[in-house]
Amino acid sequence: MIRVILLAGVAAMLVGCSDHNPRTLGAAVEGTAISVAAVRQSNAESRVVLQGTMTTKCPVAGCWFMLHDETGTIKVDTKNAGFVVVDVPLNSSLSVAGRVVTNGTERFIDATGVRY
């Protein structure tokens, strides 16, 4: 019994000490998230919010990253937003706000903000 109480106390301390404060880079991320697959069907210049996991990022400057959700992966460019993701750990779960851009062959997100 004492062992269970001690274990519960340690678990409560770990949960209470963990950092759950979301951080935002750039502009606030507001709106309902859509999937990567839905971005591929949306109009260029559409404003969107996505949620997923950062799987890869620019190894030099952190000026772009790849966002993955259950429907696919898309490139997110942060250069025009004035922030970088150098300090955001890979495999972080995050939300991205931005606009859909196309270069003729592929679509990507020109980010305005990231929350992680």
Protein backbone atom coordinates (compact mmCIF):
# COMPACT_ATOMS: atom_id res chain seq x y z
CA MET A 1 0.00 0.00 0.00
CA ILE A 2 2.78 2.40 0.89
CA ARG A 3 4.50 1.49 -2.36
CA VAL A 4 1.39 2.48 -4.36
CA ILE A 5 1.08 5.80 -2.53
CA LEU A 6 4.78 6.53 -3.08
CA LEU A 7 4.52 5.68 -6.77
CA ALA A 8 1.44 7.89 -7.16
CA GLY A 9 3.26 10.76 -5.45
CA VAL A 10 6.27 10.47 -7.74
CA ALA A 11 4.00 10.36 -10.80
CA ALA A 12 2.13 13.47 -9.64
CA MET A 13 5.42 15.34 -9.14
CA LEU A 14 6.62 14.41 -12.61
CA VAL A 15 3.39 15.57 -14.22
CA GLY A 16 3.35 18.77 -12.20
CA CYS A 17 6.97 19.59 -13.09
CA SER A 18 6.72 18.98 -16.81
CA ASP A 19 6.64 21.94 -19.19
CA HIS A 20 3.20 22.18 -20.84
CA ASN A 21 3.33 25.84 -21.85
CA PRO A 22 2.98 26.06 -25.62
CA ARG A 23 5.45 28.29 -27.39
CA THR A 24 4.61 30.39 -30.44
CA LEU A 25 7.00 31.57 -33.13
CA GLY A 26 5.79 34.32 -35.45
CA ALA A 27 2.09 35.22 -35.54
CA ALA A 28 -0.57 33.49 -33.42
CA VAL A 29 -1.86 30.21 -34.78
CA GLU A 30 -5.65 30.40 -34.85
CA GLY A 31 -8.28 28.41 -36.68
CA THR A 32 -9.39 24.87 -37.31
CA ALA A 33 -6.68 22.58 -38.58
CA ILE A 34 -7.02 20.78 -41.90
CA SER A 35 -5.03 17.80 -43.14
CA VAL A 36 -2.08 17.76 -45.51
CA ALA A 37 -4.32 15.96 -48.01
CA ALA A 38 -6.83 18.81 -47.82
CA VAL A 39 -4.06 21.34 -48.55
CA ARG A 40 -3.38 19.55 -51.82
CA GLN A 41 -7.01 20.22 -52.80
CA SER A 42 -7.15 23.84 -51.62
CA ASN A 43 -6.60 26.93 -53.73
CA ALA A 44 -3.20 28.58 -53.88
CA GLU A 45 -3.02 31.56 -51.52
CA SER A 46 -5.60 30.01 -49.15
CA ARG A 47 -4.93 30.65 -45.47
CA VAL A 48 -4.69 27.36 -43.56
CA VAL A 49 -3.83 25.81 -40.21
CA LEU A 50 -2.23 22.36 -40.03
CA GLN A 51 -1.28 20.06 -37.17
CA GLY A 52 1.36 17.38 -37.32
CA THR A 53 4.89 16.35 -36.47
CA MET A 54 8.08 18.02 -37.65
CA THR A 55 10.04 15.17 -39.22
CA THR A 56 12.91 17.04 -40.92
CA LYS A 57 14.20 20.60 -40.82
CA CYS A 58 16.81 22.75 -42.55
CA PRO A 59 20.07 21.61 -40.94
CA VAL A 60 21.80 24.96 -41.41
CA ALA A 61 19.39 27.80 -40.68
CA GLY A 62 16.10 26.17 -39.63
CA CYS A 63 14.26 28.15 -42.32
CA TRP A 64 12.04 25.25 -43.46
CA PHE A 65 10.75 21.95 -42.14
CA MET A 66 8.64 18.98 -43.20
CA LEU A 67 5.30 18.55 -41.43
CA HIS A 68 3.77 15.07 -41.35
CA ASP A 69 0.23 14.05 -40.41
CA GLU A 70 -1.74 10.85 -40.98
CA THR A 71 -2.53 11.93 -44.59
CA GLY A 72 0.91 12.94 -45.83
CA THR A 73 3.89 15.27 -45.59
CA ILE A 74 4.30 18.87 -46.74
CA LYS A 75 7.13 21.40 -46.71
CA VAL A 76 6.70 24.49 -44.50
CA ASP A 77 8.84 27.53 -45.29
CA THR A 78 9.46 30.05 -42.47
CA LYS A 79 11.79 32.54 -44.22
CA ASN A 80 9.12 35.17 -44.98
CA ALA A 81 7.69 34.96 -41.44
CA GLY A 82 10.93 36.11 -39.82
CA PHE A 83 11.50 33.13 -37.55
CA VAL A 84 13.39 29.84 -37.68
CA VAL A 85 12.85 26.44 -36.07
CA VAL A 86 16.47 25.76 -35.09
CA ASP A 87 15.54 25.32 -31.42
CA VAL A 88 12.39 23.25 -32.05
CA PRO A 89 13.24 19.55 -31.52
CA LEU A 90 12.62 17.11 -34.35
CA ASN A 91 9.50 14.98 -33.90
CA SER A 92 7.78 17.83 -32.05
CA SER A 93 4.03 18.01 -32.38
CA LEU A 94 3.07 21.43 -33.66
CA SER A 95 0.45 23.61 -35.30
CA VAL A 96 1.28 25.79 -38.29
CA ALA A 97 -0.59 28.78 -39.73
CA GLY A 98 0.21 30.06 -43.20
CA ARG A 99 -0.84 30.26 -46.79
CA VAL A 100 -0.74 27.65 -49.52
CA VAL A 101 1.89 28.35 -52.18
CA THR A 102 2.65 26.46 -55.35
CA ASN A 103 5.81 26.55 -57.44
CA GLY A 104 4.17 24.83 -60.39
CA THR A 105 4.95 21.27 -59.39
CA GLU A 106 4.41 21.13 -55.66
CA ARG A 107 2.46 22.85 -52.91
CA PHE A 108 4.00 24.03 -49.70
CA ILE A 109 3.08 26.29 -46.79
CA ASP A 110 4.47 29.80 -46.43
CA ALA A 111 4.24 29.95 -42.64
CA THR A 112 3.07 32.92 -40.62
CA GLY A 113 3.28 31.21 -37.22
CA VAL A 114 4.10 27.96 -35.43
CA ARG A 115 2.91 26.74 -32.03
CA TYR A 116 4.62 23.78 -30.32
